[in-house]
């Protein structure tokens, strides 16, 4: 038997061969303590967990065979399994059962495998849309799982909050065994994050997705988020006063040729109420292929005077009417693409392309930060002015002038309750009404005395 130590990689394990006259080679991973790989002359390679028991005797537990070019049976998977077994032993649990897995094991498998394929809702049959996760969604999922489940956050106060012991037998959520998970384990995390209800609810959402994927992959049997209620969110219905919106409009119309894309973005977001994320993915022309439709959010249709959002928040199509001002901004922007200053954007399919990038990519939230700051200073707008308030600003002013029903339909809400609860800020002056019965003295009701018979 030959013993060799080096840092494992799938390529090195794949290329390792054993001489026919030997029983086997035992390889030790220099990176992960206790991980070994047994290589037989037949070519079979099996990962193992090599450790000393309580009596200091060397034990060897087989894990699984190495399979070349596989995302499941490689070095990374073996390292995760060894760390899993090490934690089980530290916690005093038996490692004889091969099926013992923790939340950490599932989380790492989920991040490595699930995000590169179709959405979990499609895999589990809950949705018929055969689409993959968007780049932004992947980033959000990774952030939540890494920071709140795997505890990789650099925020010490957050880590302290998440690992606060609530009982003598307390275990961090990531170290809990999948087979023993209960609804109360998720509720415990929600309680710890009660001061940030939006974050808690988003985490619960992605945890549910992770456990559904685990069930689909037969890694776990239940989804412990089922039946767990949401934390109550107190959303601030911030909007921009009409006088400040008019300031911005005058600024856009007088100097539209300078920083054109940013200014048209500001104008359209206030003039249509379309979400910024949807405007970022707006095309000049109708997408012709499924790929073009998937990578974009919508397109401008000058013939019907509309912006078509083919992938709105509820996955349905939303048609937004273009008012004269909005259409004028877009037509002017299209003309400016023929100038020297905007020639870099002439061939772009995006209405709002990222400035001077090698790849043709659309705007994102970082694309306009410096321009927004300059506009705030130039116009003397409130320091807390944010472009994301544009949608609520549009809803509020539309509702005040034309009613909540019209405002709700304009932004594609399925009911007016959503508009009322999260977007519309009523004007208290509207409550200062005269008597609804009129105050003309001639219409006063004259009461007559009725004499009784007694």
Protein backbone atom coordinates (compact mmCIF):
# COMPACT_ATOMS: atom_id res chain seq x y z
CA UNK A 1 0.00 0.00 0.00
CA UNK A 2 1.35 3.41 -1.00
CA UNK A 3 0.46 6.48 1.06
CA UNK A 4 0.64 9.88 -0.60
CA UNK A 5 -0.39 13.35 0.59
CA UNK A 6 -1.30 16.26 -1.71
CA UNK A 7 -4.08 18.81 -2.22
CA UNK A 8 -6.95 16.97 -3.90
CA UNK A 9 -8.57 18.13 -7.11
CA UNK A 10 -10.89 16.29 -9.48
CA UNK A 11 -8.22 16.38 -12.19
CA UNK A 12 -5.49 14.91 -9.96
CA UNK A 13 -7.76 12.16 -8.64
CA UNK A 14 -8.88 11.35 -12.17
CA UNK A 15 -5.28 11.05 -13.44
CA UNK A 16 -4.00 8.95 -10.53
CA UNK A 17 -3.33 5.30 -11.39
CA UNK A 18 -2.12 2.35 -9.27
CA UNK A 19 0.37 -0.28 -10.38
CA UNK A 20 -1.20 -3.72 -10.98
CA UNK A 21 1.00 -5.49 -8.40
CA UNK A 22 -0.27 -3.32 -5.52
CA UNK A 23 -3.38 -3.80 -3.44
CA UNK A 24 -4.29 -0.10 -3.50
CA UNK A 25 -2.97 3.44 -2.99
CA UNK A 26 -4.19 5.53 -0.08
CA UNK A 27 -4.25 9.24 -0.86
CA UNK A 28 -4.56 11.92 1.86
CA UNK A 29 -6.00 15.35 1.15
CA UNK A 30 -3.64 18.11 2.27
CA UNK A 31 -6.52 20.61 2.27
CA UNK A 32 -9.25 18.75 4.19
CA UNK A 33 -8.22 16.87 7.32
CA UNK A 34 -9.42 13.23 7.50
CA UNK A 35 -10.37 13.02 3.81
CA UNK A 36 -8.75 10.11 1.97
CA UNK A 37 -9.18 8.44 -1.39
CA UNK A 38 -8.51 4.76 -1.97
CA UNK A 39 -7.34 3.94 -5.51
CA UNK A 40 -7.50 0.31 -6.63
CA UNK A 41 -5.66 -1.28 -9.59
CA UNK A 42 -9.02 -1.81 -11.29
CA UNK A 43 -9.36 1.95 -11.53
CA UNK A 44 -12.05 2.27 -8.88
CA UNK A 45 -11.48 5.29 -6.59
CA UNK A 46 -13.42 5.68 -3.37
CA UNK A 47 -13.46 8.61 -0.97
CA UNK A 48 -13.31 7.87 2.74
CA UNK A 49 -13.36 9.50 6.17
CA UNK A 50 -10.33 8.39 8.22
CA UNK A 51 -10.35 9.28 11.92
CA UNK A 52 -9.55 8.04 15.43
CA UNK A 53 -12.39 6.92 17.68
CA UNK A 54 -12.65 7.49 21.43
CA UNK A 55 -10.22 4.60 22.04
CA UNK A 56 -7.66 6.22 19.70
CA UNK A 57 -8.14 3.49 17.14
CA UNK A 58 -8.00 4.41 13.45
CA UNK A 59 -11.37 4.04 11.74
CA UNK A 60 -12.16 4.28 8.04
CA UNK A 61 -15.64 5.07 6.81
CA UNK A 62 -16.38 4.75 3.11
CA UNK A 63 -18.16 7.71 1.60
CA UNK A 64 -18.80 7.23 -2.13
CA UNK A 65 -16.91 6.39 -5.34
CA UNK A 66 -15.24 9.15 -7.32
CA UNK A 67 -16.95 9.73 -10.67
CA UNK A 68 -15.05 11.75 -13.24
CA UNK A 69 -16.78 14.83 -14.72
CA UNK A 70 -19.59 14.65 -12.17
CA UNK A 71 -20.89 17.54 -10.05
CA UNK A 72 -22.08 15.11 -7.37
CA UNK A 73 -19.23 12.66 -6.70
CA UNK A 74 -16.16 14.86 -6.78
CA UNK A 75 -13.64 16.34 -4.36
CA UNK A 76 -15.83 19.26 -3.26
CA UNK A 77 -18.68 16.92 -2.39
CA UNK A 78 -16.31 14.67 -0.40
CA UNK A 79 -14.94 17.63 1.58
CA UNK A 80 -18.44 18.77 2.47
CA UNK A 81 -19.32 15.25 3.62
CA UNK A 82 -16.19 14.96 5.78
CA UNK A 83 -16.87 18.30 7.47
CA UNK A 84 -20.42 17.12 8.03
CA UNK A 85 -19.24 13.94 9.74
CA UNK A 86 -16.70 15.83 11.83
CA UNK A 87 -19.41 18.08 13.21
CA UNK A 88 -21.64 15.13 13.96
CA UNK A 89 -18.85 13.55 16.01
CA UNK A 90 -18.13 16.79 17.85
CA UNK A 91 -21.81 17.03 18.75
CA UNK A 92 -21.73 13.47 20.07
CA UNK A 93 -23.79 11.93 17.26
CA UNK A 94 -23.20 8.62 15.57
CA UNK A 95 -21.82 8.67 12.03
CA UNK A 96 -22.84 5.14 11.14
CA UNK A 97 -25.91 6.29 9.23
CA UNK A 98 -24.88 7.44 5.74
CA UNK A 99 -28.11 9.40 5.35
CA UNK A 100 -27.44 11.86 8.19
CA UNK A 101 -27.29 15.32 6.63
CA UNK A 102 -27.47 18.84 8.05
CA UNK A 103 -28.88 22.13 6.80
CA UNK A 104 -25.33 23.20 5.91
CA UNK A 105 -24.94 20.18 3.64
CA UNK A 106 -28.20 20.99 1.85
CA UNK A 107 -27.34 24.70 1.59
CA UNK A 108 -23.98 24.05 -0.06
CA UNK A 109 -25.47 21.52 -2.47
CA UNK A 110 -28.27 23.96 -3.29
CA UNK A 111 -25.91 26.86 -4.05
CA UNK A 112 -23.63 24.68 -6.14
CA UNK A 113 -26.22 22.82 -8.20
CA UNK A 114 -29.67 24.41 -8.12
CA UNK A 115 -28.91 27.93 -9.34
CA UNK A 116 -27.44 26.87 -12.68
CA UNK A 117 -30.50 24.97 -13.84
CA UNK A 118 -34.20 25.68 -14.24
CA UNK A 119 -36.14 27.35 -11.46
CA UNK A 120 -37.14 25.05 -8.60
CA UNK A 121 -40.81 25.94 -9.15
CA UNK A 122 -40.56 24.41 -12.64
CA UNK A 123 -38.68 21.32 -11.46
CA UNK A 124 -41.27 20.63 -8.78
CA UNK A 125 -44.20 21.18 -11.17
CA UNK A 126 -45.53 24.32 -9.46
CA UNK A 127 -44.88 26.44 -12.53
CA UNK A 128 -45.04 25.70 -16.23
CA UNK A 129 -42.50 28.41 -17.09
CA UNK A 130 -39.27 26.68 -18.15
CA UNK A 131 -36.94 29.53 -17.21
CA UNK A 132 -33.68 29.84 -15.31
CA UNK A 133 -32.80 32.19 -12.49
CA UNK A 134 -31.74 35.68 -13.48
CA UNK A 135 -28.29 36.91 -12.52
CA UNK A 136 -29.73 39.35 -9.98
CA UNK A 137 -31.90 36.65 -8.39
CA UNK A 138 -28.94 34.27 -8.14
CA UNK A 139 -26.92 36.96 -6.38
CA UNK A 140 -29.74 37.58 -3.92
CA UNK A 141 -30.18 33.88 -3.13
CA UNK A 142 -26.43 33.40 -2.61
CA UNK A 143 -26.29 36.44 -0.35
CA UNK A 144 -29.16 35.27 1.86
CA UNK A 145 -28.03 31.64 2.15
CA UNK A 146 -24.35 32.49 2.71
CA UNK A 147 -24.96 35.27 5.24
CA UNK A 148 -27.98 33.99 7.18
CA UNK A 149 -27.65 30.20 6.92
CA UNK A 150 -23.94 29.46 6.45
CA UNK A 151 -23.04 32.45 8.68
CA UNK A 152 -20.43 33.83 6.29
CA UNK A 153 -21.51 37.40 7.01
CA UNK A 154 -18.81 39.92 7.91
CA UNK A 155 -21.29 41.79 10.11
CA UNK A 156 -20.36 40.70 13.64
CA UNK A 157 -23.59 42.04 15.16
CA UNK A 158 -25.67 40.03 12.66
CA UNK A 159 -23.66 36.87 13.34
CA UNK A 160 -24.09 37.38 17.08
CA UNK A 161 -27.84 37.80 16.60
CA UNK A 162 -28.16 34.64 14.48
CA UNK A 163 -26.06 32.48 16.83
CA UNK A 164 -27.64 33.73 20.08
CA UNK A 165 -28.36 30.68 22.25
CA UNK A 166 -32.01 30.19 23.12
CA UNK A 167 -31.69 26.97 25.13
CA UNK A 168 -29.10 24.70 26.74
CA UNK A 169 -29.30 22.27 23.82
CA UNK A 170 -29.13 25.07 21.22
CA UNK A 171 -27.55 24.43 17.81
CA UNK A 172 -27.02 26.90 15.00
CA UNK A 173 -29.57 26.42 12.24
CA UNK A 174 -26.94 25.23 9.77
CA UNK A 175 -25.85 22.43 12.13
CA UNK A 176 -29.34 21.02 12.63
CA UNK A 177 -30.10 17.67 11.04
CA UNK A 178 -32.54 17.67 8.15
CA UNK A 179 -34.44 14.68 9.48
CA UNK A 180 -35.05 16.46 12.80
CA UNK A 181 -36.06 19.88 11.46
CA UNK A 182 -39.37 21.35 12.56
CA UNK A 183 -41.44 24.44 11.86
CA UNK A 184 -40.21 25.92 15.15
CA UNK A 185 -36.60 25.93 13.87
CA UNK A 186 -37.54 28.35 11.09
CA UNK A 187 -39.73 30.39 13.44
CA UNK A 188 -36.71 30.82 15.71
CA UNK A 189 -34.76 32.50 12.87
CA UNK A 190 -37.77 34.68 12.00
CA UNK A 191 -37.94 35.80 15.62
CA UNK A 192 -34.23 36.68 15.69
CA UNK A 193 -34.76 38.84 12.58
CA UNK A 194 -37.99 40.43 13.82
CA UNK A 195 -36.43 43.91 13.73
CA UNK A 196 -35.84 43.52 9.98
CA UNK A 197 -39.15 41.98 8.77
CA UNK A 198 -38.47 42.36 5.04
CA UNK A 199 -35.15 40.51 5.36
CA UNK A 200 -36.76 37.79 7.47
CA UNK A 201 -39.53 37.25 4.91
CA UNK A 202 -37.09 37.13 1.98
CA UNK A 203 -34.95 34.62 3.86
CA UNK A 204 -38.02 32.46 4.55
CA UNK A 205 -38.87 32.58 0.84
CA UNK A 206 -35.41 31.37 -0.26
CA UNK A 207 -35.29 28.78 2.52
CA UNK A 208 -38.57 27.38 1.20
CA UNK A 209 -37.07 27.21 -2.30
CA UNK A 210 -33.98 25.46 -0.91
CA UNK A 211 -35.99 22.84 0.98
CA UNK A 212 -38.29 22.22 -2.00
CA UNK A 213 -35.19 21.56 -4.09
CA UNK A 214 -33.91 19.25 -1.34
CA UNK A 215 -37.15 17.27 -1.46
CA UNK A 216 -36.95 17.11 -5.27
CA UNK A 217 -33.37 15.76 -4.97
CA UNK A 218 -34.42 13.38 -2.15
CA UNK A 219 -31.93 14.99 0.24
CA UNK A 220 -34.65 15.83 2.75
CA UNK A 221 -38.26 14.81 3.28
CA UNK A 222 -40.07 17.92 4.53
CA UNK A 223 -40.13 21.68 4.03
CA UNK A 224 -40.07 23.18 7.56
CA UNK A 225 -41.03 26.65 6.27
CA UNK A 226 -44.57 25.43 5.49
CA UNK A 227 -47.00 27.02 7.91
CA UNK A 228 -44.51 29.63 9.14
CA UNK A 229 -46.13 33.08 9.08
CA UNK A 230 -44.57 36.24 7.68
CA UNK A 231 -43.13 39.00 9.84
CA UNK A 232 -45.25 42.16 9.62
CA UNK A 233 -43.60 44.76 7.39
CA UNK A 234 -44.18 48.48 7.87
CA UNK A 235 -43.52 49.87 4.41
CA UNK A 236 -42.82 53.56 4.08
CA UNK A 237 -44.95 55.08 1.34
CA UNK A 238 -42.46 57.76 0.33
CA UNK A 239 -43.26 59.91 -2.69
CA UNK A 240 -41.84 63.04 -4.31
CA UNK A 241 -43.93 66.26 -4.08
CA UNK A 242 -45.32 67.52 -7.40
CA UNK A 243 -43.21 70.68 -7.32
CA UNK A 244 -40.00 68.61 -7.17
CA UNK A 245 -41.18 66.37 -10.01
CA UNK A 246 -41.81 69.47 -12.14
CA UNK A 247 -38.31 70.70 -11.29
CA UNK A 248 -36.88 67.45 -12.60
CA UNK A 249 -39.04 67.60 -15.77
CA UNK A 250 -37.86 71.13 -16.58
CA UNK A 251 -34.27 70.00 -16.01
CA UNK A 252 -34.68 67.02 -18.37
CA UNK A 253 -36.33 68.98 -21.16
CA UNK A 254 -33.82 71.84 -21.11
CA UNK A 255 -30.66 69.73 -21.18
CA UNK A 256 -31.70 66.33 -22.54
CA UNK A 257 -28.67 66.09 -24.85
CA UNK A 258 -26.36 65.84 -21.81
CA UNK A 259 -26.38 62.55 -19.90
CA UNK A 260 -29.36 61.55 -22.02
CA UNK A 261 -29.93 57.96 -20.92
CA UNK A 262 -30.05 58.81 -17.23
CA UNK A 263 -32.43 61.71 -17.78
CA UNK A 264 -34.86 59.69 -19.91
CA UNK A 265 -34.77 56.97 -17.24
CA UNK A 266 -35.71 59.55 -14.60
CA UNK A 267 -38.47 60.92 -16.81
CA UNK A 268 -40.02 57.57 -17.80
CA UNK A 269 -39.94 56.18 -14.27
CA UNK A 270 -41.97 59.19 -13.04
CA UNK A 271 -44.19 59.45 -16.14
CA UNK A 272 -45.19 55.77 -16.39
CA UNK A 273 -44.72 54.28 -12.91
CA UNK A 274 -42.83 51.34 -14.45
CA UNK A 275 -40.45 49.62 -12.06
CA UNK A 276 -36.77 50.49 -12.55
CA UNK A 277 -35.79 46.83 -12.96
CA UNK A 278 -38.23 46.63 -15.89
CA UNK A 279 -36.96 49.82 -17.51
CA UNK A 280 -33.37 48.53 -17.23
CA UNK A 281 -34.29 45.56 -19.42
CA UNK A 282 -36.20 47.57 -22.03
CA UNK A 283 -35.41 46.91 -25.73
CA UNK A 284 -35.88 49.23 -28.69
CA UNK A 285 -37.47 46.45 -30.76
CA UNK A 286 -39.69 43.42 -30.26
CA UNK A 287 -37.68 40.33 -29.21
CA UNK A 288 -37.65 37.79 -32.04
CA UNK A 289 -36.33 34.70 -30.23
CA UNK A 290 -37.08 33.07 -26.89
CA UNK A 291 -33.57 33.94 -25.71
CA UNK A 292 -34.07 37.63 -26.51
CA UNK A 293 -37.38 37.56 -24.66
CA UNK A 294 -35.89 35.80 -21.63
CA UNK A 295 -32.93 38.14 -21.22
CA UNK A 296 -35.07 41.30 -21.54
CA UNK A 297 -38.05 42.70 -19.65
CA UNK A 298 -39.95 44.46 -22.39
CA UNK A 299 -39.78 46.70 -25.45
CA UNK A 300 -41.01 50.00 -26.88
CA UNK A 301 -43.82 49.81 -29.44
CA UNK A 302 -44.08 53.20 -31.16
CA UNK A 303 -46.85 51.94 -33.44
CA UNK A 304 -49.29 51.35 -30.59
CA UNK A 305 -47.77 54.08 -28.41
CA UNK A 306 -47.04 51.59 -25.62
CA UNK A 307 -44.27 50.06 -23.57
CA UNK A 308 -44.85 46.31 -23.41
CA UNK A 309 -43.47 44.63 -20.28
CA UNK A 310 -43.61 40.95 -21.19
CA UNK A 311 -42.14 39.82 -17.86
CA UNK A 312 -43.75 41.86 -15.10
CA UNK A 313 -43.45 40.98 -11.40
CA UNK A 314 -46.40 38.55 -11.55
CA UNK A 315 -44.99 36.95 -14.75
CA UNK A 316 -47.85 38.44 -16.76
CA UNK A 317 -47.68 40.89 -19.64
CA UNK A 318 -48.23 44.55 -18.81
CA UNK A 319 -49.04 47.19 -21.43
CA UNK A 320 -48.25 50.75 -20.39
CA UNK A 321 -49.59 53.70 -22.39
CA UNK A 322 -46.97 56.23 -23.44
CA UNK A 323 -48.08 59.83 -22.80
CA UNK A 324 -46.90 62.55 -25.21
CA UNK A 325 -44.05 63.57 -22.90
CA UNK A 326 -42.73 60.01 -22.51
CA UNK A 327 -42.87 59.33 -26.23
CA UNK A 328 -41.09 62.63 -26.94
CA UNK A 329 -38.23 61.68 -24.58
CA UNK A 330 -37.76 58.29 -26.26
CA UNK A 331 -37.89 59.74 -29.78
CA UNK A 332 -35.33 62.38 -28.83
CA UNK A 333 -33.06 59.75 -27.26
CA UNK A 334 -33.27 57.66 -30.44
CA UNK A 335 -32.27 60.71 -32.50
CA UNK A 336 -29.32 61.43 -30.21
CA UNK A 337 -27.89 57.95 -30.89
CA UNK A 338 -26.78 59.32 -34.28
CA UNK A 339 -24.61 61.97 -32.63
CA UNK A 340 -20.93 61.58 -31.84
CA UNK A 341 -21.52 61.71 -28.08
CA UNK A 342 -23.85 58.68 -28.10
CA UNK A 343 -22.42 56.75 -31.04
CA UNK A 344 -21.21 54.05 -28.59
CA UNK A 345 -24.87 53.17 -27.90
CA UNK A 346 -26.07 53.21 -31.52
CA UNK A 347 -25.88 49.43 -32.06
CA UNK A 348 -27.17 48.47 -28.61
CA UNK A 349 -30.48 46.65 -28.37
CA UNK A 350 -31.12 48.24 -24.97
CA UNK A 351 -32.89 51.56 -24.47
CA UNK A 352 -30.66 52.08 -21.43
CA UNK A 353 -27.29 50.39 -22.16
CA UNK A 354 -24.37 50.45 -19.76
CA UNK A 355 -21.97 53.18 -20.91
CA UNK A 356 -19.00 52.03 -22.97
CA UNK A 357 -18.79 48.37 -21.92
CA UNK A 358 -17.29 45.64 -24.08
CA UNK A 359 -20.44 43.56 -23.81
CA UNK A 360 -23.86 44.97 -24.63
CA UNK A 361 -25.39 45.06 -21.16
CA UNK A 362 -28.35 47.04 -19.79
CA UNK A 363 -28.39 49.57 -16.94
CA UNK A 364 -28.38 48.42 -13.32
CA UNK A 365 -28.76 50.24 -10.01
CA UNK A 366 -25.08 51.26 -9.97
CA UNK A 367 -25.22 52.83 -13.42
CA UNK A 368 -26.74 56.13 -12.38
CA UNK A 369 -25.63 56.81 -8.77
CA UNK A 370 -23.20 59.63 -9.56
CA UNK A 371 -25.62 61.24 -12.06
CA UNK A 372 -28.45 61.10 -9.54
CA UNK A 373 -26.31 62.80 -6.89
CA UNK A 374 -25.41 65.60 -9.31
CA UNK A 375 -29.08 66.13 -10.21
CA UNK A 376 -30.10 66.29 -6.53
CA UNK A 377 -27.46 68.93 -5.83
CA UNK A 378 -28.21 70.92 -9.00
CA UNK A 379 -31.97 71.07 -8.43
CA UNK A 380 -31.81 71.37 -4.66
CA UNK A 381 -33.92 68.24 -4.18
CA UNK A 382 -34.21 66.62 -0.72
CA UNK A 383 -31.04 64.72 0.24
CA UNK A 384 -33.06 61.51 0.70
CA UNK A 385 -34.49 61.67 -2.83
CA UNK A 386 -34.28 58.26 -4.49
CA UNK A 387 -35.26 57.16 -7.96
CA UNK A 388 -37.02 54.10 -6.56
CA UNK A 389 -39.67 56.49 -5.15
CA UNK A 390 -40.78 57.26 -8.72
CA UNK A 391 -43.35 54.44 -8.86
CA UNK A 392 -45.01 55.51 -5.59
CA UNK A 393 -44.86 59.12 -6.73
CA UNK A 394 -46.66 58.24 -9.98
CA UNK A 395 -49.34 56.23 -8.14
CA UNK A 396 -49.95 58.95 -5.53
CA UNK A 397 -50.33 61.84 -7.98
CA UNK A 398 -52.39 59.75 -10.44
CA UNK A 399 -54.73 58.60 -7.66
CA UNK A 400 -55.21 62.14 -6.36
CA UNK A 401 -56.19 63.41 -9.81
CA UNK A 402 -57.97 60.42 -11.35
CA UNK A 403 -58.81 58.08 -8.47
CA UNK A 404 -57.19 54.98 -6.97
CA UNK A 405 -58.89 52.62 -9.43
CA UNK A 406 -57.21 54.29 -12.43
CA UNK A 407 -53.83 54.47 -10.65
CA UNK A 408 -54.05 50.79 -9.72
CA UNK A 409 -54.78 49.71 -13.28
CA UNK A 410 -52.04 51.96 -14.72
CA UNK A 411 -49.30 50.16 -12.75
CA UNK A 412 -50.78 46.68 -13.22
CA UNK A 413 -51.98 45.94 -9.70
CA UNK A 414 -54.43 43.05 -9.44
CA UNK A 415 -56.49 44.95 -6.85
CA UNK A 416 -56.73 48.40 -5.28
CA UNK A 417 -55.81 47.05 -1.84
CA UNK A 418 -52.17 46.70 -2.93
CA UNK A 419 -52.28 50.25 -4.24
CA UNK A 420 -53.79 51.61 -1.03
CA UNK A 421 -51.56 49.66 1.37
CA UNK A 422 -48.16 50.08 -0.26
CA UNK A 423 -48.20 52.93 -2.79
CA UNK A 424 -50.87 55.59 -2.39
CA UNK A 425 -50.37 58.47 0.07
CA UNK A 426 -53.68 60.34 0.39
CA UNK A 427 -53.84 64.11 0.75
CA UNK A 428 -55.33 65.00 4.14
CA UNK A 429 -56.68 68.23 2.67
CA UNK A 430 -59.15 66.04 0.75
CA UNK A 431 -60.88 65.37 4.09
CA UNK A 432 -61.77 69.04 4.60
CA UNK A 433 -65.23 68.81 3.08
CA UNK A 434 -68.27 71.03 3.45
CA UNK A 435 -71.42 69.40 4.73
CA UNK A 436 -72.53 66.85 2.18
CA UNK A 437 -76.14 67.93 2.82
CA UNK A 438 -75.48 71.55 1.90
CA UNK A 439 -75.41 74.66 4.07
CA UNK A 440 -78.02 76.85 2.42
CA UNK A 441 -80.20 78.33 5.15
CA UNK A 442 -83.24 78.14 2.90
CA UNK A 443 -82.88 74.36 2.94
CA UNK A 444 -82.85 74.10 6.75
CA UNK A 445 -85.33 71.62 8.04
CA UNK A 446 -87.92 73.29 10.26
CA UNK A 447 -88.94 71.14 13.14
CA UNK A 448 -92.53 71.43 14.21
CA UNK A 449 -93.83 70.85 17.67
CA UNK A 450 -96.31 68.04 17.77
CA UNK A 451 -98.71 68.33 20.58
CA UNK A 452 -99.59 65.20 22.38
CA UNK A 453 -103.11 64.10 23.08
CA UNK A 454 -102.48 64.04 26.79
